[in-house]
Amino acid sequence: MVICRKGSENTEGIKLTVLNGKNELFDFKLPAADFPAIGEDWKEFVHSPEESVAVQGVEFVYQIRVTDCKDKILGKDALANFLVDTKTISYSEEVIKGEKKMDNALVQCWRHKKPASKAVLWVLGRNDCFMHPHVGKTLFTEKGYDLYVLNYSCNGMTRKRGWVVSSKSMHDRLCTLS
């Protein structure tokens, strides 16, 4: 999900660069003029890098939908219903342990019970949390993708787990170090 200000004067388009370390594998730009109109359905795009030894057979597939910014976030019940097993999907949470509790991360996993051959890693933005079961279902699990949502640092489920250090205790810790 990309959120930006309305109006073509604020958004020229989207640019994606894929790196392997510091080496650029490929990049592409999609001008805003190619976006679907406000209110239209999702529009799919496929980008393939030029043939090179490093990335043969790779495609980047994504969809864009532009809204009038009046969409409502679904309630807690809709999210709670997405955080449970169903007939076809199993839900689990995997903890990635850091050296300190505040470095822990959590991966929320929606896996098809009949093994899937494709998956999506949803990386949350800064101070964000996953509140989009309607997107997870429509774009991923209903289309055969396993979905993994990475909660790290100060976002999402890391807060519920108590892994986030308060600004006061972080301030006190930094002052002790200096």
N, C-alpha and C. Protein backbone atom coordinates (compact mmCIF):
# COMPACT_ATOMS: atom_id res chain seq x y z
N MET A 1 0.85 -1.17 0.00
CA MET A 1 0.00 0.00 0.00
C MET A 1 0.89 1.22 0.00
N VAL A 2 0.62 2.12 -0.92
CA VAL A 2 1.34 3.38 -0.99
C VAL A 2 0.31 4.48 -0.79
N ILE A 3 0.55 5.35 0.15
CA ILE A 3 -0.36 6.45 0.40
C ILE A 3 0.38 7.74 0.06
N CYS A 4 -0.27 8.57 -0.75
CA CYS A 4 0.35 9.83 -1.12
C CYS A 4 -0.73 10.89 -1.27
N ARG A 5 -0.32 12.11 -1.40
CA ARG A 5 -1.27 13.20 -1.57
C ARG A 5 -1.96 13.10 -2.91
N LYS A 6 -3.21 13.54 -2.94
CA LYS A 6 -3.97 13.54 -4.17
C LYS A 6 -3.39 14.56 -5.15
N GLY A 7 -3.57 14.28 -6.41
CA GLY A 7 -3.19 15.23 -7.45
C GLY A 7 -1.92 14.86 -8.15
N SER A 8 -1.92 15.03 -9.48
CA SER A 8 -0.76 14.67 -10.28
C SER A 8 0.46 15.52 -9.94
N GLU A 9 0.24 16.71 -9.39
CA GLU A 9 1.38 17.55 -9.01
C GLU A 9 2.15 16.96 -7.83
N ASN A 10 1.55 16.00 -7.12
CA ASN A 10 2.19 15.40 -5.95
C ASN A 10 2.77 14.01 -6.23
N THR A 11 2.36 13.36 -7.31
CA THR A 11 2.80 12.00 -7.58
C THR A 11 3.16 11.85 -9.05
N GLU A 12 4.44 11.67 -9.32
CA GLU A 12 4.88 11.47 -10.70
C GLU A 12 4.69 10.02 -11.13
N GLY A 13 4.76 9.10 -10.17
CA GLY A 13 4.64 7.69 -10.47
C GLY A 13 5.31 6.86 -9.40
N ILE A 14 5.62 5.62 -9.76
CA ILE A 14 6.27 4.69 -8.84
C ILE A 14 7.57 4.22 -9.48
N LYS A 15 8.62 4.14 -8.68
CA LYS A 15 9.89 3.61 -9.15
C LYS A 15 10.30 2.49 -8.21
N LEU A 16 10.71 1.35 -8.78
CA LEU A 16 11.19 0.23 -7.99
C LEU A 16 12.59 -0.13 -8.47
N THR A 17 13.50 -0.26 -7.53
CA THR A 17 14.86 -0.70 -7.83
C THR A 17 15.12 -1.95 -7.00
N VAL A 18 15.56 -3.02 -7.65
CA VAL A 18 15.89 -4.27 -6.98
C VAL A 18 17.41 -4.39 -6.93
N LEU A 19 17.93 -4.56 -5.71
CA LEU A 19 19.37 -4.63 -5.50
C LEU A 19 19.76 -6.00 -4.97
N ASN A 20 20.96 -6.41 -5.27
CA ASN A 20 21.60 -7.55 -4.65
C ASN A 20 22.83 -6.98 -3.98
N GLY A 21 22.70 -6.71 -2.66
CA GLY A 21 23.76 -5.97 -1.99
C GLY A 21 23.74 -4.55 -2.53
N LYS A 22 24.86 -4.10 -3.07
CA LYS A 22 24.93 -2.76 -3.67
C LYS A 22 24.76 -2.81 -5.18
N ASN A 23 24.68 -4.03 -5.74
CA ASN A 23 24.56 -4.17 -7.20
C ASN A 23 23.10 -4.09 -7.63
N GLU A 24 22.81 -3.19 -8.55
CA GLU A 24 21.46 -3.04 -9.06
C GLU A 24 21.17 -4.18 -10.04
N LEU A 25 20.11 -4.94 -9.76
CA LEU A 25 19.71 -6.01 -10.67
C LEU A 25 18.81 -5.47 -11.77
N PHE A 26 17.82 -4.66 -11.37
CA PHE A 26 16.98 -3.98 -12.35
C PHE A 26 16.16 -2.91 -11.67
N ASP A 27 15.64 -2.00 -12.48
CA ASP A 27 14.69 -1.01 -11.95
C ASP A 27 13.67 -0.70 -13.04
N PHE A 28 12.57 -0.13 -12.63
CA PHE A 28 11.55 0.30 -13.57
C PHE A 28 10.78 1.46 -12.98
N LYS A 29 10.15 2.20 -13.87
CA LYS A 29 9.31 3.33 -13.45
C LYS A 29 7.94 3.15 -14.10
N LEU A 30 6.90 3.44 -13.34
CA LEU A 30 5.54 3.43 -13.85
C LEU A 30 4.99 4.84 -13.65
N PRO A 31 4.78 5.58 -14.74
CA PRO A 31 4.27 6.95 -14.58
C PRO A 31 2.82 6.95 -14.08
N ALA A 32 2.47 7.98 -13.33
CA ALA A 32 1.13 8.10 -12.77
C ALA A 32 0.07 8.09 -13.86
N ALA A 33 0.41 8.52 -15.06
CA ALA A 33 -0.54 8.53 -16.18
C ALA A 33 -1.03 7.12 -16.52
N ASP A 34 -0.25 6.09 -16.15
CA ASP A 34 -0.64 4.70 -16.41
C ASP A 34 -1.48 4.09 -15.29
N PHE A 35 -1.64 4.79 -14.17
CA PHE A 35 -2.45 4.30 -13.07
C PHE A 35 -3.91 4.21 -13.51
N PRO A 36 -4.70 3.31 -12.92
CA PRO A 36 -6.14 3.31 -13.21
C PRO A 36 -6.78 4.58 -12.66
N ALA A 37 -7.93 4.94 -13.20
CA ALA A 37 -8.65 6.12 -12.73
C ALA A 37 -9.20 5.87 -11.33
N ILE A 38 -9.47 6.93 -10.60
CA ILE A 38 -10.05 6.82 -9.26
C ILE A 38 -11.35 6.01 -9.34
N GLY A 39 -11.44 4.99 -8.46
CA GLY A 39 -12.64 4.17 -8.39
C GLY A 39 -12.65 2.96 -9.31
N GLU A 40 -11.74 2.89 -10.29
CA GLU A 40 -11.67 1.71 -11.15
C GLU A 40 -11.16 0.53 -10.34
N ASP A 41 -11.35 -0.67 -10.89
CA ASP A 41 -10.87 -1.89 -10.23
C ASP A 41 -9.35 -1.94 -10.28
N TRP A 42 -8.78 -2.93 -9.60
CA TRP A 42 -7.33 -3.14 -9.58
C TRP A 42 -6.84 -3.35 -11.02
N LYS A 43 -5.69 -2.76 -11.33
CA LYS A 43 -5.05 -2.93 -12.64
C LYS A 43 -3.71 -3.61 -12.40
N GLU A 44 -3.46 -4.69 -13.12
CA GLU A 44 -2.23 -5.47 -12.92
C GLU A 44 -1.13 -5.01 -13.87
N PHE A 45 0.09 -4.99 -13.35
CA PHE A 45 1.26 -4.63 -14.14
C PHE A 45 2.30 -5.73 -13.97
N VAL A 46 3.06 -5.98 -15.03
CA VAL A 46 4.14 -6.98 -15.00
C VAL A 46 5.38 -6.33 -15.58
N HIS A 47 6.47 -6.37 -14.82
CA HIS A 47 7.75 -5.83 -15.30
C HIS A 47 8.77 -6.95 -15.24
N SER A 48 9.53 -7.08 -16.31
CA SER A 48 10.63 -8.04 -16.37
C SER A 48 11.91 -7.27 -16.68
N PRO A 49 12.99 -7.61 -16.01
CA PRO A 49 14.24 -6.93 -16.34
C PRO A 49 14.73 -7.38 -17.71
N GLU A 50 15.57 -6.56 -18.30
CA GLU A 50 16.19 -6.98 -19.55
C GLU A 50 17.00 -8.24 -19.26
N GLU A 51 17.13 -9.08 -20.28
CA GLU A 51 17.86 -10.33 -20.08
C GLU A 51 19.26 -10.08 -19.55
N SER A 52 19.58 -10.71 -18.47
CA SER A 52 20.94 -10.67 -17.94
C SER A 52 21.16 -11.97 -17.18
N VAL A 53 22.39 -12.33 -17.00
CA VAL A 53 22.72 -13.58 -16.33
C VAL A 53 22.18 -13.60 -14.90
N ALA A 54 22.19 -12.44 -14.22
CA ALA A 54 21.84 -12.38 -12.81
C ALA A 54 20.36 -12.61 -12.54
N VAL A 55 19.48 -12.25 -13.44
CA VAL A 55 18.06 -12.29 -13.12
C VAL A 55 17.20 -12.90 -14.23
N GLN A 56 17.62 -13.93 -14.86
CA GLN A 56 16.83 -14.55 -15.91
C GLN A 56 15.53 -15.12 -15.36
N GLY A 57 14.44 -14.92 -16.10
CA GLY A 57 13.17 -15.50 -15.73
C GLY A 57 12.45 -14.83 -14.58
N VAL A 58 12.86 -13.63 -14.17
CA VAL A 58 12.25 -12.94 -13.05
C VAL A 58 11.18 -11.98 -13.56
N GLU A 59 10.06 -11.94 -12.84
CA GLU A 59 9.01 -10.97 -13.13
C GLU A 59 8.60 -10.31 -11.83
N PHE A 60 8.25 -9.05 -11.90
CA PHE A 60 7.67 -8.34 -10.76
C PHE A 60 6.23 -8.04 -11.15
N VAL A 61 5.28 -8.66 -10.44
CA VAL A 61 3.86 -8.53 -10.74
C VAL A 61 3.21 -7.81 -9.57
N TYR A 62 2.44 -6.77 -9.87
CA TYR A 62 1.76 -6.04 -8.82
C TYR A 62 0.47 -5.44 -9.38
N GLN A 63 -0.38 -4.99 -8.47
CA GLN A 63 -1.64 -4.38 -8.86
C GLN A 63 -1.78 -3.02 -8.20
N ILE A 64 -2.47 -2.13 -8.89
CA ILE A 64 -2.70 -0.79 -8.36
C ILE A 64 -4.19 -0.49 -8.44
N ARG A 65 -4.68 0.13 -7.40
CA ARG A 65 -6.04 0.66 -7.37
C ARG A 65 -5.95 2.04 -6.73
N VAL A 66 -6.58 3.02 -7.33
CA VAL A 66 -6.55 4.38 -6.81
C VAL A 66 -7.92 4.68 -6.22
N THR A 67 -7.93 5.18 -4.99
CA THR A 67 -9.20 5.48 -4.31
C THR A 67 -9.32 6.98 -4.10
N ASP A 68 -10.50 7.37 -3.69
CA ASP A 68 -10.74 8.77 -3.37
C ASP A 68 -10.44 9.06 -1.90
N CYS A 69 -9.77 8.12 -1.23
CA CYS A 69 -9.34 8.23 0.17
C CYS A 69 -10.51 8.26 1.14
N LYS A 70 -11.62 7.65 0.76
CA LYS A 70 -12.77 7.57 1.66
C LYS A 70 -12.98 6.15 2.17
N ASP A 71 -12.05 5.24 1.82
CA ASP A 71 -12.15 3.86 2.30
C ASP A 71 -12.07 3.86 3.82
N LYS A 72 -12.80 2.95 4.44
CA LYS A 72 -12.77 2.84 5.89
C LYS A 72 -11.98 1.61 6.28
N ILE A 73 -11.18 1.75 7.33
CA ILE A 73 -10.47 0.60 7.86
C ILE A 73 -11.50 -0.31 8.51
N LEU A 74 -11.37 -1.61 8.27
CA LEU A 74 -12.32 -2.55 8.84
C LEU A 74 -12.17 -2.62 10.36
N GLY A 75 -13.21 -3.04 11.01
CA GLY A 75 -13.22 -3.11 12.46
C GLY A 75 -12.38 -4.25 13.02
N LYS A 76 -12.28 -4.27 14.34
CA LYS A 76 -11.49 -5.29 15.03
C LYS A 76 -12.03 -6.69 14.78
N ASP A 77 -13.35 -6.83 14.63
CA ASP A 77 -13.94 -8.16 14.39
C ASP A 77 -13.46 -8.75 13.07
N ALA A 78 -13.41 -7.93 12.02
CA ALA A 78 -12.95 -8.42 10.71
C ALA A 78 -11.50 -8.87 10.80
N LEU A 79 -10.68 -8.12 11.51
CA LEU A 79 -9.28 -8.51 11.68
C LEU A 79 -9.17 -9.78 12.51
N ALA A 80 -9.91 -9.85 13.61
CA ALA A 80 -9.86 -11.03 14.48
C ALA A 80 -10.28 -12.28 13.70
N ASN A 81 -11.26 -12.15 12.82
CA ASN A 81 -11.70 -13.29 12.00
C ASN A 81 -10.66 -13.73 10.99
N PHE A 82 -9.73 -12.82 10.65
CA PHE A 82 -8.66 -13.16 9.70
C PHE A 82 -7.46 -13.78 10.41
N LEU A 83 -7.41 -13.68 11.73
CA LEU A 83 -6.28 -14.19 12.51
C LEU A 83 -6.55 -15.59 13.07
N VAL A 84 -7.37 -16.36 12.40
CA VAL A 84 -7.68 -17.72 12.85
C VAL A 84 -7.60 -18.69 11.67
N ASP A 85 -7.49 -19.97 11.99
CA ASP A 85 -7.49 -21.00 10.96
C ASP A 85 -8.86 -21.07 10.29
N THR A 86 -8.86 -21.44 9.02
CA THR A 86 -10.10 -21.70 8.30
C THR A 86 -9.98 -23.10 7.68
N LYS A 87 -10.95 -23.48 6.86
CA LYS A 87 -10.88 -24.80 6.20
C LYS A 87 -9.65 -24.91 5.32
N THR A 88 -9.27 -23.81 4.67
CA THR A 88 -8.18 -23.88 3.69
C THR A 88 -6.89 -23.18 4.12
N ILE A 89 -6.97 -22.32 5.13
CA ILE A 89 -5.80 -21.52 5.55
C ILE A 89 -5.47 -21.81 7.01
N SER A 90 -4.17 -21.96 7.30
CA SER A 90 -3.76 -22.03 8.71
C SER A 90 -3.02 -20.74 9.05
N TYR A 91 -3.32 -20.22 10.24
CA TYR A 91 -2.70 -18.97 10.71
C TYR A 91 -1.75 -19.30 11.84
N SER A 92 -0.54 -18.72 11.79
CA SER A 92 0.40 -18.88 12.89
C SER A 92 1.24 -17.61 13.01
N GLU A 93 1.95 -17.52 14.12
CA GLU A 93 2.85 -16.39 14.36
C GLU A 93 4.21 -16.95 14.71
N GLU A 94 5.23 -16.50 14.00
CA GLU A 94 6.60 -16.97 14.21
C GLU A 94 7.43 -15.82 14.79
N VAL A 95 8.09 -16.06 15.91
CA VAL A 95 8.91 -15.04 16.56
C VAL A 95 10.34 -15.15 16.05
N ILE A 96 10.89 -14.00 15.66
CA ILE A 96 12.31 -13.91 15.30
C ILE A 96 12.98 -13.23 16.48
N LYS A 97 13.83 -13.96 17.19
CA LYS A 97 14.46 -13.45 18.41
C LYS A 97 15.65 -12.55 18.08
N GLY A 98 15.66 -11.38 18.70
CA GLY A 98 16.80 -10.48 18.60
C GLY A 98 17.69 -10.64 19.81
N GLU A 99 18.81 -9.94 19.81
CA GLU A 99 19.70 -10.02 20.97
C GLU A 99 19.01 -9.48 22.22
N LYS A 100 18.17 -8.44 22.04
CA LYS A 100 17.39 -7.86 23.13
C LYS A 100 15.93 -7.99 22.77
N LYS A 101 15.07 -7.98 23.78
CA LYS A 101 13.64 -8.13 23.54
C LYS A 101 13.12 -7.09 22.54
N MET A 102 13.62 -5.86 22.63
CA MET A 102 13.16 -4.80 21.73
C MET A 102 13.56 -5.05 20.28
N ASP A 103 14.48 -5.98 20.03
CA ASP A 103 14.90 -6.32 18.66
C ASP A 103 14.10 -7.49 18.09
N ASN A 104 13.20 -8.06 18.88
CA ASN A 104 12.39 -9.17 18.39
C ASN A 104 11.49 -8.71 17.25
N ALA A 105 11.13 -9.63 16.38
CA ALA A 105 10.18 -9.37 15.30
C ALA A 105 9.18 -10.52 15.28
N LEU A 106 8.07 -10.30 14.65
CA LEU A 106 7.03 -11.30 14.55
C LEU A 106 6.58 -11.40 13.10
N VAL A 107 6.47 -12.61 12.61
CA VAL A 107 5.94 -12.83 11.27
C VAL A 107 4.59 -13.50 11.43
N GLN A 108 3.54 -12.82 10.94
CA GLN A 108 2.20 -13.41 10.91
C GLN A 108 2.12 -14.21 9.61
N CYS A 109 1.69 -15.46 9.71
CA CYS A 109 1.72 -16.38 8.57
C CYS A 109 0.34 -16.93 8.26
N TRP A 110 -0.11 -16.71 7.04
CA TRP A 110 -1.34 -17.34 6.54
C TRP A 110 -0.89 -18.30 5.46
N ARG A 111 -0.94 -19.60 5.76
CA ARG A 111 -0.46 -20.62 4.82
C ARG A 111 -1.62 -21.49 4.37
N HIS A 112 -1.65 -21.79 3.08
CA HIS A 112 -2.66 -22.71 2.57
C HIS A 112 -2.38 -24.11 3.10
N LYS A 113 -3.42 -24.81 3.51
CA LYS A 113 -3.24 -26.17 4.03
C LYS A 113 -2.78 -27.10 2.92
N LYS A 114 -3.23 -26.85 1.70
CA LYS A 114 -2.69 -27.54 0.53
C LYS A 114 -1.53 -26.65 0.07
N PRO A 115 -0.28 -27.12 0.15
CA PRO A 115 0.87 -26.24 -0.06
C PRO A 115 0.78 -25.37 -1.32
N ALA A 116 1.08 -24.08 -1.12
CA ALA A 116 1.06 -23.12 -2.21
C ALA A 116 2.44 -23.04 -2.85
N SER A 117 2.47 -22.62 -4.10
CA SER A 117 3.75 -22.48 -4.81
C SER A 117 4.18 -21.01 -4.89
N LYS A 118 3.39 -20.12 -4.29
CA LYS A 118 3.73 -18.71 -4.34
C LYS A 118 3.39 -18.06 -3.01
N ALA A 119 4.14 -16.98 -2.70
CA ALA A 119 3.96 -16.32 -1.41
C ALA A 119 4.21 -14.82 -1.56
N VAL A 120 3.68 -14.07 -0.59
CA VAL A 120 3.88 -12.62 -0.53
C VAL A 120 4.41 -12.27 0.84
N LEU A 121 5.44 -11.43 0.89
CA LEU A 121 5.94 -10.89 2.15
C LEU A 121 5.48 -9.44 2.22
N TRP A 122 4.64 -9.12 3.21
CA TRP A 122 4.11 -7.77 3.40
C TRP A 122 4.95 -7.13 4.49
N VAL A 123 5.75 -6.13 4.13
CA VAL A 123 6.60 -5.43 5.09
C VAL A 123 5.87 -4.16 5.50
N LEU A 124 5.58 -4.06 6.77
CA LEU A 124 4.84 -2.91 7.28
C LEU A 124 5.68 -1.65 7.23
N GLY A 125 5.03 -0.52 7.10
CA GLY A 125 5.71 0.77 7.14
C GLY A 125 6.02 1.17 8.57
N ARG A 126 6.74 2.24 8.71
CA ARG A 126 7.14 2.73 10.03
C ARG A 126 5.89 3.01 10.88
N ASN A 127 5.86 2.46 12.08
CA ASN A 127 4.75 2.64 13.03
C ASN A 127 3.40 2.20 12.48
N ASP A 128 3.41 1.28 11.52
CA ASP A 128 2.19 0.78 10.90
C ASP A 128 1.79 -0.52 11.56
N CYS A 129 0.63 -1.02 11.22
CA CYS A 129 0.21 -2.35 11.64
C CYS A 129 -0.69 -2.93 10.56
N PHE A 130 -0.86 -4.24 10.57
CA PHE A 130 -1.66 -4.89 9.55
C PHE A 130 -3.13 -4.80 9.91
N MET A 131 -3.90 -4.03 9.14
CA MET A 131 -5.33 -3.84 9.39
C MET A 131 -6.10 -4.06 8.10
N HIS A 132 -5.62 -4.93 7.23
CA HIS A 132 -6.19 -5.02 5.89
C HIS A 132 -6.58 -6.45 5.49
N PRO A 133 -7.42 -7.12 6.30
CA PRO A 133 -7.80 -8.48 5.92
C PRO A 133 -8.51 -8.52 4.57
N HIS A 134 -9.24 -7.46 4.22
CA HIS A 134 -9.92 -7.41 2.93
C HIS A 134 -8.91 -7.44 1.78
N VAL A 135 -7.76 -6.80 1.96
CA VAL A 135 -6.71 -6.82 0.94
C VAL A 135 -6.00 -8.18 0.96
N GLY A 136 -5.68 -8.67 2.15
CA GLY A 136 -5.01 -9.96 2.27
C GLY A 136 -5.80 -11.08 1.62
N LYS A 137 -7.11 -11.09 1.85
CA LYS A 137 -7.96 -12.13 1.25
C LYS A 137 -8.08 -11.96 -0.26
N THR A 138 -8.49 -10.77 -0.68
CA THR A 138 -8.79 -10.54 -2.09
C THR A 138 -7.58 -10.69 -2.99
N LEU A 139 -6.45 -10.11 -2.59
CA LEU A 139 -5.28 -10.14 -3.47
C LEU A 139 -4.39 -11.36 -3.29
N PHE A 140 -4.43 -11.99 -2.12
CA PHE A 140 -3.44 -13.03 -1.87
C PHE A 140 -4.03 -14.39 -1.55
N THR A 141 -4.64 -14.55 -0.38
CA THR A 141 -5.05 -15.91 0.02
C THR A 141 -6.10 -16.49 -0.91
N GLU A 142 -7.03 -15.67 -1.43
CA GLU A 142 -8.04 -16.19 -2.35
C GLU A 142 -7.45 -16.52 -3.73
N LYS A 143 -6.25 -16.02 -4.00
CA LYS A 143 -5.61 -16.28 -5.30
C LYS A 143 -4.49 -17.31 -5.18
N GLY A 144 -4.44 -18.00 -4.04
CA GLY A 144 -3.48 -19.09 -3.88
C GLY A 144 -2.13 -18.72 -3.31
N TYR A 145 -1.96 -17.48 -2.85
CA TYR A 145 -0.69 -17.07 -2.25
C TYR A 145 -0.71 -17.33 -0.76
N ASP A 146 0.42 -17.77 -0.21
CA ASP A 146 0.63 -17.72 1.23
C ASP A 146 1.00 -16.27 1.54
N LEU A 147 0.58 -15.77 2.70
CA LEU A 147 0.83 -14.38 3.06
C LEU A 147 1.62 -14.33 4.36
N TYR A 148 2.70 -13.55 4.35
CA TYR A 148 3.54 -13.35 5.53
C TYR A 148 3.63 -11.86 5.80
N VAL A 149 3.28 -11.43 7.02
CA VAL A 149 3.34 -10.02 7.39
C VAL A 149 4.44 -9.86 8.44
N LEU A 150 5.45 -9.04 8.12
CA LEU A 150 6.57 -8.82 9.03
C LEU A 150 6.29 -7.64 9.94
N ASN A 151 6.23 -7.91 11.24
CA ASN A 151 6.06 -6.89 12.28
C ASN A 151 7.43 -6.73 12.95
N TYR A 152 8.01 -5.56 12.90
CA TYR A 152 9.36 -5.36 13.44
C TYR A 152 9.42 -4.00 14.14
N SER A 153 10.46 -3.77 14.88
CA SER A 153 10.75 -2.51 15.54
C SER A 153 9.55 -1.96 16.30
N CYS A 154 8.95 -0.88 15.84
CA CYS A 154 7.87 -0.22 16.59
C CYS A 154 6.52 -0.38 15.90
N ASN A 155 6.31 -1.48 15.17
CA ASN A 155 5.03 -1.55 14.47
C ASN A 155 4.23 -2.79 14.83
N GLY A 156 2.94 -2.73 14.49
CA GLY A 156 2.03 -3.85 14.60
C GLY A 156 2.06 -4.62 15.90
N MET A 157 2.19 -5.94 15.74
CA MET A 157 2.09 -6.85 16.87
C MET A 157 3.25 -6.73 17.86
N THR A 158 4.34 -6.07 17.49
CA THR A 158 5.44 -5.91 18.44
C THR A 158 5.00 -5.09 19.64
N ARG A 159 4.07 -4.17 19.42
CA ARG A 159 3.53 -3.38 20.53
C ARG A 159 2.72 -4.26 21.48
N LYS A 160 1.87 -5.12 20.89
CA LYS A 160 1.03 -5.99 21.72
C LYS A 160 1.88 -6.96 22.54
N ARG A 161 3.04 -7.31 22.02
CA ARG A 161 3.93 -8.24 22.72
C ARG A 161 4.76 -7.53 23.80
N GLY A 162 4.72 -6.20 23.81
CA GLY A 162 5.50 -5.45 24.80
C GLY A 162 6.97 -5.34 24.44
N TRP A 163 7.29 -5.49 23.16
CA TRP A 163 8.69 -5.43 22.74
C TRP A 163 9.16 -4.02 22.44
N VAL A 164 8.23 -3.07 22.36
CA VAL A 164 8.58 -1.69 22.04
C VAL A 164 9.05 -1.00 23.31
N VAL A 165 10.18 -0.34 23.21
CA VAL A 165 10.71 0.40 24.35
C VAL A 165 10.09 1.79 24.33
N SER A 166 9.57 2.23 25.46
CA SER A 166 8.96 3.56 25.51
C SER A 166 10.01 4.62 25.25
N SER A 167 9.57 5.76 24.77
CA SER A 167 10.52 6.83 24.48
C SER A 167 11.24 7.29 25.74
N LYS A 168 10.56 7.27 26.89
CA LYS A 168 11.20 7.69 28.13
C LYS A 168 12.31 6.71 28.51
N SER A 169 12.02 5.40 28.48
CA SER A 169 13.07 4.44 28.85
C SER A 169 14.18 4.43 27.81
N MET A 170 13.86 4.66 26.53
CA MET A 170 14.91 4.75 25.50
C MET A 170 15.76 5.99 25.76
N HIS A 171 15.14 7.10 26.13
CA HIS A 171 15.87 8.34 26.43
C HIS A 171 16.80 8.10 27.62
N ASP A 172 16.27 7.48 28.69
CA ASP A 172 17.08 7.20 29.88
C ASP A 172 18.26 6.29 29.52
N ARG A 173 18.01 5.29 28.66
CA ARG A 173 19.08 4.36 28.26
C ARG A 173 20.16 5.08 27.47
N LEU A 174 19.75 5.96 26.55
CA LEU A 174 20.73 6.69 25.74
C LEU A 174 21.53 7.66 26.60
N CYS A 175 20.88 8.29 27.58
CA CYS A 175 21.59 9.22 28.47
C CYS A 175 22.60 8.46 29.32
N THR A 176 22.28 7.24 29.71
CA THR A 176 23.21 6.42 30.51
C THR A 176 24.44 6.07 29.68
N LEU A 177 24.24 5.84 28.37
CA LEU A 177 25.35 5.46 27.49
C LEU A 177 26.28 6.62 27.19
N SER A 178 25.76 7.84 27.22
CA SER A 178 26.59 8.99 26.81
C SER A 178 27.47 9.51 27.93
